[in-house]
């Protein structure tokens, strides 16, 4: 595979910059693929979690798409307003709200899955199965490293709060 000259400046970039550039490119590609459906990438990820895994509580849904609960709440509300999602009491938990796909979203299932297929195919193009597994392992380590950094930086703040 020939090297893309547009990417030459990233060859020696710090890892954080390379990960940030990758994230931006993923979002840019997602925006283009989703434009015909008038969906944002975050709306799409929420719809796909519900399509692939069924109804979820707001908190569980937010956790699966790596966003905070208030952001998930705003996105879910916008999707409910469009008729793409339904929300109602969870029959198994008195105080929890359950979010599920509405009829409008179910009618878009083929289109949503098509975007997923195209996106995943482009993402994995030219990567052998072994390379995909290596990328997965390394990215999980990076996430773990950032979690450890967060835990380390939160501890002094909690101690200071308790001391006051």
N, C-alpha and C. Protein backbone atom coordinates (compact mmCIF):
# COMPACT_ATOMS: atom_id res chain seq x y z
N UNK A 1 0.85 -1.18 0.00
CA UNK A 1 0.00 0.00 0.00
C UNK A 1 0.89 1.24 0.00
N UNK A 2 0.56 2.20 -0.86
CA UNK A 2 1.34 3.42 -0.97
C UNK A 2 0.95 4.40 0.14
N UNK A 3 1.97 5.09 0.67
CA UNK A 3 1.75 6.04 1.75
C UNK A 3 1.08 7.31 1.21
N UNK A 4 0.10 7.81 1.94
CA UNK A 4 -0.62 9.03 1.58
C UNK A 4 0.23 10.23 2.00
N UNK A 5 0.64 11.09 1.05
CA UNK A 5 1.49 12.23 1.42
C UNK A 5 0.80 13.21 2.37
N UNK A 6 -0.52 13.24 2.39
CA UNK A 6 -1.25 14.13 3.31
C UNK A 6 -1.03 13.73 4.77
N UNK A 7 -0.61 12.50 4.99
CA UNK A 7 -0.45 12.00 6.35
C UNK A 7 1.00 12.02 6.83
N UNK A 8 1.91 12.50 6.00
CA UNK A 8 3.34 12.45 6.35
C UNK A 8 3.64 13.18 7.65
N UNK A 9 2.94 14.28 7.92
CA UNK A 9 3.20 15.02 9.16
C UNK A 9 2.80 14.24 10.41
N UNK A 10 1.99 13.21 10.25
CA UNK A 10 1.57 12.40 11.40
C UNK A 10 2.52 11.24 11.70
N UNK A 11 3.47 10.99 10.79
CA UNK A 11 4.38 9.87 10.99
C UNK A 11 5.14 9.96 12.31
N UNK A 12 5.51 11.15 12.72
CA UNK A 12 6.26 11.31 13.96
C UNK A 12 5.47 12.10 15.01
N UNK A 13 4.18 12.22 14.80
CA UNK A 13 3.33 12.97 15.74
C UNK A 13 3.24 12.22 17.07
N UNK A 14 3.07 12.95 18.16
CA UNK A 14 2.83 12.28 19.45
C UNK A 14 1.57 11.41 19.35
N UNK A 15 1.55 10.35 20.10
CA UNK A 15 0.45 9.39 20.04
C UNK A 15 -0.91 10.05 20.28
N UNK A 16 -0.99 10.96 21.25
CA UNK A 16 -2.25 11.64 21.53
C UNK A 16 -2.76 12.41 20.33
N UNK A 17 -1.85 13.06 19.59
CA UNK A 17 -2.25 13.81 18.40
C UNK A 17 -2.74 12.86 17.31
N UNK A 18 -2.09 11.73 17.16
CA UNK A 18 -2.51 10.75 16.16
C UNK A 18 -3.89 10.17 16.50
N UNK A 19 -4.12 9.88 17.78
CA UNK A 19 -5.43 9.38 18.20
C UNK A 19 -6.50 10.44 17.98
N UNK A 20 -6.17 11.70 18.30
CA UNK A 20 -7.13 12.80 18.09
C UNK A 20 -7.45 12.96 16.61
N UNK A 21 -6.43 12.86 15.75
CA UNK A 21 -6.66 12.97 14.31
C UNK A 21 -7.54 11.83 13.81
N UNK A 22 -7.29 10.64 14.33
CA UNK A 22 -8.11 9.47 13.96
C UNK A 22 -9.56 9.69 14.37
N UNK A 23 -9.76 10.17 15.58
CA UNK A 23 -11.12 10.43 16.06
C UNK A 23 -11.83 11.45 15.18
N UNK A 24 -11.12 12.52 14.82
CA UNK A 24 -11.72 13.55 13.95
C UNK A 24 -12.11 12.96 12.60
N UNK A 25 -11.24 12.14 12.02
CA UNK A 25 -11.54 11.54 10.72
C UNK A 25 -12.73 10.59 10.81
N UNK A 26 -12.82 9.84 11.89
CA UNK A 26 -13.97 8.95 12.08
C UNK A 26 -15.26 9.76 12.13
N UNK A 27 -15.24 10.85 12.89
CA UNK A 27 -16.44 11.69 13.01
C UNK A 27 -16.79 12.35 11.67
N UNK A 28 -15.78 12.83 10.94
CA UNK A 28 -16.03 13.45 9.65
C UNK A 28 -16.67 12.45 8.68
N UNK A 29 -16.14 11.25 8.65
CA UNK A 29 -16.70 10.22 7.77
C UNK A 29 -18.12 9.87 8.20
N UNK A 30 -18.35 9.77 9.50
CA UNK A 30 -19.69 9.46 10.00
C UNK A 30 -20.68 10.56 9.61
N UNK A 31 -20.28 11.83 9.78
CA UNK A 31 -21.17 12.94 9.41
C UNK A 31 -21.59 12.83 7.95
N UNK A 32 -20.62 12.53 7.06
CA UNK A 32 -20.95 12.42 5.63
C UNK A 32 -21.90 11.26 5.35
N UNK A 33 -21.66 10.13 5.97
CA UNK A 33 -22.52 8.96 5.75
C UNK A 33 -23.93 9.17 6.31
N UNK A 34 -24.04 9.95 7.37
CA UNK A 34 -25.31 10.12 8.07
C UNK A 34 -26.13 11.31 7.57
N UNK A 35 -25.51 12.19 6.82
CA UNK A 35 -26.21 13.39 6.34
C UNK A 35 -27.54 13.08 5.64
N UNK A 36 -27.60 12.07 4.78
CA UNK A 36 -28.89 11.80 4.11
C UNK A 36 -30.02 11.41 5.08
N UNK A 37 -29.66 10.90 6.25
CA UNK A 37 -30.68 10.50 7.23
C UNK A 37 -30.93 11.60 8.26
N UNK A 38 -30.20 12.71 8.14
CA UNK A 38 -30.33 13.83 9.08
C UNK A 38 -30.07 13.37 10.52
N UNK A 39 -29.00 12.60 10.69
CA UNK A 39 -28.60 12.12 12.02
C UNK A 39 -27.19 12.59 12.33
N UNK A 40 -26.93 12.87 13.59
CA UNK A 40 -25.57 13.15 14.04
C UNK A 40 -24.90 11.81 14.38
N UNK A 41 -23.57 11.80 14.44
CA UNK A 41 -22.91 10.54 14.83
C UNK A 41 -23.39 10.03 16.19
N UNK A 42 -23.56 10.91 17.17
CA UNK A 42 -24.02 10.45 18.49
C UNK A 42 -25.42 9.87 18.42
N UNK A 43 -26.31 10.48 17.65
CA UNK A 43 -27.66 9.93 17.49
C UNK A 43 -27.58 8.55 16.85
N UNK A 44 -26.73 8.44 15.85
CA UNK A 44 -26.57 7.16 15.14
C UNK A 44 -26.07 6.07 16.10
N UNK A 45 -25.05 6.39 16.91
CA UNK A 45 -24.50 5.37 17.82
C UNK A 45 -25.57 4.90 18.80
N UNK A 46 -26.39 5.82 19.28
CA UNK A 46 -27.47 5.45 20.20
C UNK A 46 -28.47 4.54 19.49
N UNK A 47 -28.85 4.90 18.28
CA UNK A 47 -29.79 4.05 17.53
C UNK A 47 -29.20 2.66 17.29
N UNK A 48 -27.91 2.59 16.97
CA UNK A 48 -27.29 1.30 16.70
C UNK A 48 -27.19 0.43 17.95
N UNK A 49 -26.90 1.03 19.09
CA UNK A 49 -26.86 0.25 20.34
C UNK A 49 -28.24 -0.37 20.58
N UNK A 50 -29.28 0.43 20.41
CA UNK A 50 -30.64 -0.07 20.65
C UNK A 50 -31.03 -1.09 19.59
N UNK A 51 -30.59 -0.89 18.36
CA UNK A 51 -30.90 -1.84 17.28
C UNK A 51 -30.20 -3.17 17.52
N UNK A 52 -28.96 -3.12 17.96
CA UNK A 52 -28.18 -4.34 18.14
C UNK A 52 -28.37 -5.01 19.49
N UNK A 53 -28.78 -4.24 20.52
CA UNK A 53 -28.84 -4.82 21.87
C UNK A 53 -30.19 -4.65 22.57
N UNK A 54 -31.15 -4.02 21.93
CA UNK A 54 -32.48 -3.88 22.53
C UNK A 54 -32.57 -2.71 23.50
N UNK A 55 -33.71 -2.60 24.19
CA UNK A 55 -33.96 -1.47 25.10
C UNK A 55 -32.91 -1.34 26.20
N UNK A 56 -32.65 -0.09 26.60
CA UNK A 56 -31.66 0.23 27.63
C UNK A 56 -32.19 1.35 28.53
N UNK A 57 -31.66 1.41 29.73
CA UNK A 57 -31.88 2.58 30.57
C UNK A 57 -30.99 3.70 30.00
N UNK A 58 -31.29 4.93 30.36
CA UNK A 58 -30.51 6.07 29.88
C UNK A 58 -29.05 5.93 30.29
N UNK A 59 -28.80 5.59 31.54
CA UNK A 59 -27.43 5.48 32.04
C UNK A 59 -26.65 4.40 31.29
N UNK A 60 -27.25 3.23 31.10
CA UNK A 60 -26.57 2.15 30.38
C UNK A 60 -26.30 2.53 28.93
N UNK A 61 -27.25 3.22 28.33
CA UNK A 61 -27.09 3.68 26.95
C UNK A 61 -25.93 4.67 26.86
N UNK A 62 -25.88 5.62 27.77
CA UNK A 62 -24.81 6.62 27.79
C UNK A 62 -23.45 5.95 27.94
N UNK A 63 -23.39 4.98 28.83
CA UNK A 63 -22.13 4.27 29.07
C UNK A 63 -21.65 3.54 27.81
N UNK A 64 -22.58 2.94 27.09
CA UNK A 64 -22.20 2.18 25.89
C UNK A 64 -21.73 3.05 24.74
N UNK A 65 -22.16 4.31 24.71
CA UNK A 65 -21.70 5.20 23.64
C UNK A 65 -20.68 6.22 24.13
N UNK A 66 -20.19 6.04 25.35
CA UNK A 66 -19.11 6.85 25.91
C UNK A 66 -19.46 8.33 26.00
N UNK A 67 -20.65 8.62 26.50
CA UNK A 67 -21.05 10.01 26.75
C UNK A 67 -21.63 10.09 28.16
N UNK A 68 -21.73 11.31 28.68
CA UNK A 68 -22.30 11.47 30.01
C UNK A 68 -23.83 11.42 29.95
N UNK A 69 -24.44 11.20 31.10
CA UNK A 69 -25.90 11.07 31.17
C UNK A 69 -26.65 12.30 30.66
N UNK A 70 -26.24 13.53 31.04
CA UNK A 70 -26.98 14.70 30.54
C UNK A 70 -26.94 14.83 29.01
N UNK A 71 -25.79 14.52 28.40
CA UNK A 71 -25.69 14.56 26.93
C UNK A 71 -26.60 13.50 26.33
N UNK A 72 -26.56 12.30 26.90
CA UNK A 72 -27.43 11.22 26.40
C UNK A 72 -28.89 11.62 26.52
N UNK A 73 -29.25 12.28 27.61
CA UNK A 73 -30.63 12.70 27.82
C UNK A 73 -31.07 13.66 26.71
N UNK A 74 -30.22 14.64 26.37
CA UNK A 74 -30.55 15.60 25.31
C UNK A 74 -30.69 14.90 23.96
N UNK A 75 -29.79 13.97 23.67
CA UNK A 75 -29.84 13.26 22.39
C UNK A 75 -31.09 12.39 22.32
N UNK A 76 -31.38 11.68 23.40
CA UNK A 76 -32.58 10.82 23.44
C UNK A 76 -33.83 11.66 23.28
N UNK A 77 -33.90 12.81 23.94
CA UNK A 77 -35.08 13.68 23.82
C UNK A 77 -35.28 14.11 22.37
N UNK A 78 -34.19 14.49 21.69
CA UNK A 78 -34.29 14.90 20.29
C UNK A 78 -34.78 13.74 19.42
N UNK A 79 -34.32 12.53 19.71
CA UNK A 79 -34.74 11.36 18.93
C UNK A 79 -36.19 10.97 19.25
N UNK A 80 -36.62 11.16 20.49
CA UNK A 80 -38.02 10.92 20.86
C UNK A 80 -38.90 11.93 20.13
N UNK A 81 -38.48 13.20 20.12
CA UNK A 81 -39.24 14.24 19.44
C UNK A 81 -39.40 13.95 17.94
N UNK A 82 -38.42 13.28 17.35
CA UNK A 82 -38.49 12.92 15.92
C UNK A 82 -39.26 11.62 15.69
N UNK A 83 -39.65 10.95 16.77
CA UNK A 83 -40.37 9.69 16.63
C UNK A 83 -39.48 8.49 16.41
N UNK A 84 -38.16 8.68 16.58
CA UNK A 84 -37.23 7.57 16.36
C UNK A 84 -37.07 6.69 17.60
N UNK A 85 -37.32 7.26 18.77
CA UNK A 85 -37.22 6.50 20.02
C UNK A 85 -38.50 6.64 20.83
N UNK A 86 -38.72 5.65 21.67
CA UNK A 86 -39.81 5.68 22.65
C UNK A 86 -39.18 5.54 24.02
N UNK A 87 -39.75 6.22 25.00
CA UNK A 87 -39.28 6.04 26.37
C UNK A 87 -40.49 5.86 27.27
N UNK A 88 -40.31 4.99 28.24
CA UNK A 88 -41.38 4.72 29.17
C UNK A 88 -40.85 3.98 30.38
N UNK A 89 -41.71 3.76 31.37
CA UNK A 89 -41.27 3.08 32.60
C UNK A 89 -40.73 1.67 32.31
N UNK A 90 -39.69 1.33 33.03
CA UNK A 90 -39.13 -0.02 32.95
C UNK A 90 -39.99 -0.92 33.82
N UNK A 91 -40.62 -1.95 33.25
CA UNK A 91 -41.49 -2.82 34.04
C UNK A 91 -40.76 -3.59 35.15
N UNK A 92 -39.42 -3.72 35.00
CA UNK A 92 -38.64 -4.46 35.99
C UNK A 92 -38.02 -3.57 37.05
N UNK A 93 -38.18 -2.25 36.92
CA UNK A 93 -37.55 -1.33 37.86
C UNK A 93 -38.43 -0.10 37.96
N UNK A 94 -39.02 0.11 39.09
CA UNK A 94 -40.04 1.14 39.28
C UNK A 94 -39.66 2.56 38.92
N UNK A 95 -38.40 2.96 39.14
CA UNK A 95 -38.03 4.35 38.92
C UNK A 95 -37.24 4.58 37.64
N UNK A 96 -36.91 3.54 36.94
CA UNK A 96 -36.06 3.66 35.75
C UNK A 96 -36.92 3.83 34.49
N UNK A 97 -36.38 4.62 33.56
CA UNK A 97 -37.01 4.79 32.25
C UNK A 97 -36.29 3.89 31.26
N UNK A 98 -37.05 3.22 30.43
CA UNK A 98 -36.49 2.34 29.41
C UNK A 98 -36.62 3.01 28.05
N UNK A 99 -35.54 3.01 27.29
CA UNK A 99 -35.52 3.64 25.98
C UNK A 99 -35.43 2.54 24.93
N UNK A 100 -36.29 2.67 23.91
CA UNK A 100 -36.28 1.67 22.84
C UNK A 100 -36.56 2.34 21.51
N UNK A 101 -36.30 1.61 20.44
CA UNK A 101 -36.53 2.14 19.11
C UNK A 101 -38.02 2.33 18.85
N UNK A 102 -38.35 3.42 18.19
CA UNK A 102 -39.72 3.66 17.78
C UNK A 102 -39.95 3.14 16.37
N UNK A 103 -41.18 3.16 15.89
CA UNK A 103 -41.50 2.65 14.56
C UNK A 103 -40.71 3.33 13.45
N UNK A 104 -40.47 4.63 13.59
CA UNK A 104 -39.71 5.36 12.57
C UNK A 104 -38.29 4.81 12.43
N UNK A 105 -37.65 4.55 13.56
CA UNK A 105 -36.28 4.00 13.54
C UNK A 105 -36.29 2.58 12.99
N UNK A 106 -37.29 1.80 13.36
CA UNK A 106 -37.37 0.43 12.87
C UNK A 106 -37.52 0.41 11.35
N UNK A 107 -38.21 1.41 10.81
CA UNK A 107 -38.37 1.48 9.35
C UNK A 107 -37.05 1.87 8.67
N UNK A 108 -36.10 2.42 9.44
CA UNK A 108 -34.79 2.81 8.91
C UNK A 108 -33.72 1.74 9.15
N UNK A 109 -34.12 0.60 9.69
CA UNK A 109 -33.14 -0.41 10.09
C UNK A 109 -32.18 -0.78 8.96
N UNK A 110 -32.68 -1.03 7.78
CA UNK A 110 -31.83 -1.44 6.66
C UNK A 110 -30.81 -0.34 6.33
N UNK A 111 -31.27 0.89 6.33
CA UNK A 111 -30.40 2.03 6.05
C UNK A 111 -29.33 2.19 7.14
N UNK A 112 -29.74 2.06 8.40
CA UNK A 112 -28.80 2.18 9.53
C UNK A 112 -27.74 1.08 9.47
N UNK A 113 -28.17 -0.12 9.21
CA UNK A 113 -27.21 -1.24 9.12
C UNK A 113 -26.30 -1.07 7.92
N UNK A 114 -26.82 -0.50 6.85
CA UNK A 114 -25.99 -0.24 5.67
C UNK A 114 -24.86 0.73 5.97
N UNK A 115 -25.17 1.77 6.73
CA UNK A 115 -24.14 2.73 7.14
C UNK A 115 -23.09 2.01 7.99
N UNK A 116 -23.56 1.19 8.91
CA UNK A 116 -22.66 0.45 9.78
C UNK A 116 -21.72 -0.44 8.96
N UNK A 117 -22.27 -1.13 7.99
CA UNK A 117 -21.47 -2.02 7.14
C UNK A 117 -20.43 -1.23 6.36
N UNK A 118 -20.84 -0.12 5.75
CA UNK A 118 -19.91 0.72 4.98
C UNK A 118 -18.81 1.30 5.87
N UNK A 119 -19.21 1.78 7.04
CA UNK A 119 -18.26 2.41 7.96
C UNK A 119 -17.23 1.38 8.43
N UNK A 120 -17.70 0.23 8.87
CA UNK A 120 -16.78 -0.81 9.37
C UNK A 120 -15.87 -1.31 8.27
N UNK A 121 -16.40 -1.47 7.06
CA UNK A 121 -15.59 -1.94 5.94
C UNK A 121 -14.48 -0.94 5.62
N UNK A 122 -14.81 0.35 5.62
CA UNK A 122 -13.80 1.37 5.35
C UNK A 122 -12.76 1.41 6.46
N UNK A 123 -13.20 1.28 7.69
CA UNK A 123 -12.30 1.33 8.84
C UNK A 123 -11.31 0.16 8.83
N UNK A 124 -11.78 -1.00 8.44
CA UNK A 124 -10.96 -2.21 8.51
C UNK A 124 -10.25 -2.53 7.20
N UNK A 125 -10.49 -1.72 6.16
CA UNK A 125 -9.88 -1.96 4.85
C UNK A 125 -8.36 -2.02 4.99
N UNK A 126 -7.76 -2.98 4.33
CA UNK A 126 -6.30 -3.17 4.32
C UNK A 126 -5.72 -3.57 5.67
N UNK A 127 -6.54 -3.92 6.64
CA UNK A 127 -6.05 -4.41 7.93
C UNK A 127 -6.35 -5.90 8.03
N UNK A 128 -5.32 -6.68 8.21
CA UNK A 128 -5.52 -8.10 8.41
C UNK A 128 -6.11 -8.33 9.80
N UNK A 129 -6.68 -9.51 10.00
CA UNK A 129 -7.31 -9.83 11.28
C UNK A 129 -6.33 -9.65 12.44
N UNK A 130 -5.08 -10.05 12.25
CA UNK A 130 -4.07 -9.92 13.30
C UNK A 130 -3.82 -8.44 13.61
N UNK A 131 -3.77 -7.60 12.58
CA UNK A 131 -3.57 -6.16 12.79
C UNK A 131 -4.75 -5.54 13.51
N UNK A 132 -5.96 -5.96 13.15
CA UNK A 132 -7.15 -5.45 13.82
C UNK A 132 -7.10 -5.78 15.31
N UNK A 133 -6.69 -6.99 15.63
CA UNK A 133 -6.60 -7.40 17.03
C UNK A 133 -5.52 -6.61 17.76
N UNK A 134 -4.40 -6.33 17.09
CA UNK A 134 -3.34 -5.53 17.70
C UNK A 134 -3.84 -4.11 17.99
N UNK A 135 -4.52 -3.50 17.02
CA UNK A 135 -5.07 -2.16 17.22
C UNK A 135 -6.04 -2.16 18.39
N UNK A 136 -6.91 -3.16 18.44
CA UNK A 136 -7.89 -3.27 19.52
C UNK A 136 -7.19 -3.35 20.88
N UNK A 137 -6.18 -4.21 20.98
CA UNK A 137 -5.45 -4.38 22.24
C UNK A 137 -4.76 -3.08 22.67
N UNK A 138 -4.12 -2.41 21.71
CA UNK A 138 -3.39 -1.18 22.03
C UNK A 138 -4.37 -0.08 22.44
N UNK A 139 -5.47 0.07 21.72
CA UNK A 139 -6.44 1.11 22.08
C UNK A 139 -7.06 0.85 23.45
N UNK A 140 -7.31 -0.41 23.78
CA UNK A 140 -7.82 -0.73 25.12
C UNK A 140 -6.80 -0.38 26.20
N UNK A 141 -5.52 -0.59 25.91
CA UNK A 141 -4.48 -0.19 26.86
C UNK A 141 -4.48 1.32 27.04
N UNK A 142 -4.60 2.05 25.94
CA UNK A 142 -4.61 3.52 26.02
C UNK A 142 -5.79 3.99 26.86
N UNK A 143 -6.96 3.40 26.64
CA UNK A 143 -8.14 3.75 27.44
C UNK A 143 -7.88 3.45 28.91
N UNK A 144 -7.31 2.30 29.18
CA UNK A 144 -6.97 1.93 30.56
C UNK A 144 -5.99 2.92 31.17
N UNK A 145 -5.01 3.35 30.39
CA UNK A 145 -4.05 4.35 30.88
C UNK A 145 -4.74 5.66 31.23
N UNK A 146 -5.67 6.08 30.41
CA UNK A 146 -6.38 7.34 30.68
C UNK A 146 -7.31 7.19 31.88
N UNK A 147 -7.91 6.01 32.03
CA UNK A 147 -8.72 5.75 33.24
C UNK A 147 -7.86 5.83 34.49
N UNK A 148 -6.67 5.25 34.43
CA UNK A 148 -5.76 5.29 35.58
C UNK A 148 -5.33 6.73 35.87
N UNK A 149 -5.11 7.51 34.83
CA UNK A 149 -4.76 8.92 35.02
C UNK A 149 -5.90 9.66 35.71
N UNK A 150 -7.13 9.42 35.25
CA UNK A 150 -8.30 10.05 35.87
C UNK A 150 -8.42 9.66 37.34
N UNK A 151 -8.24 8.38 37.62
CA UNK A 151 -8.35 7.92 39.01
C UNK A 151 -7.27 8.56 39.88
N UNK A 152 -6.07 8.70 39.34
CA UNK A 152 -4.98 9.31 40.08
C UNK A 152 -5.20 10.79 40.31
N UNK A 153 -5.82 11.48 39.36
CA UNK A 153 -6.02 12.93 39.51
C UNK A 153 -7.26 13.23 40.35
N UNK A 154 -8.19 12.30 40.46
CA UNK A 154 -9.39 12.51 41.27
C UNK A 154 -9.11 12.31 42.75
N UNK A 155 -8.18 11.43 43.07
CA UNK A 155 -7.91 11.11 44.47
C UNK A 155 -7.50 12.33 45.28
N UNK A 156 -6.53 13.16 44.83
CA UNK A 156 -6.17 14.34 45.63
C UNK A 156 -7.34 15.31 45.77
N UNK A 157 -8.16 15.47 44.74
CA UNK A 157 -9.30 16.38 44.83
C UNK A 157 -10.29 15.89 45.88
N UNK A 158 -10.53 14.58 45.93
CA UNK A 158 -11.45 14.02 46.93
C UNK A 158 -10.90 14.19 48.33
N UNK A 159 -9.58 13.96 48.50
CA UNK A 159 -8.97 14.12 49.82
C UNK A 159 -9.08 15.57 50.28
N UNK A 160 -8.84 16.51 49.37
CA UNK A 160 -8.92 17.94 49.72
C UNK A 160 -10.33 18.31 50.11
N UNK A 161 -11.32 17.76 49.41
CA UNK A 161 -12.72 18.07 49.71
C UNK A 161 -13.08 17.55 51.10
N UNK A 162 -12.62 16.33 51.43
CA UNK A 162 -12.93 15.74 52.74
C UNK A 162 -12.26 16.52 53.87
N UNK A 163 -11.06 17.06 53.61
CA UNK A 163 -10.31 17.78 54.63
C UNK A 163 -10.95 19.12 54.97
N UNK A 164 -11.71 19.68 54.04
CA UNK A 164 -12.29 21.02 54.30
C UNK A 164 -13.59 20.96 55.04
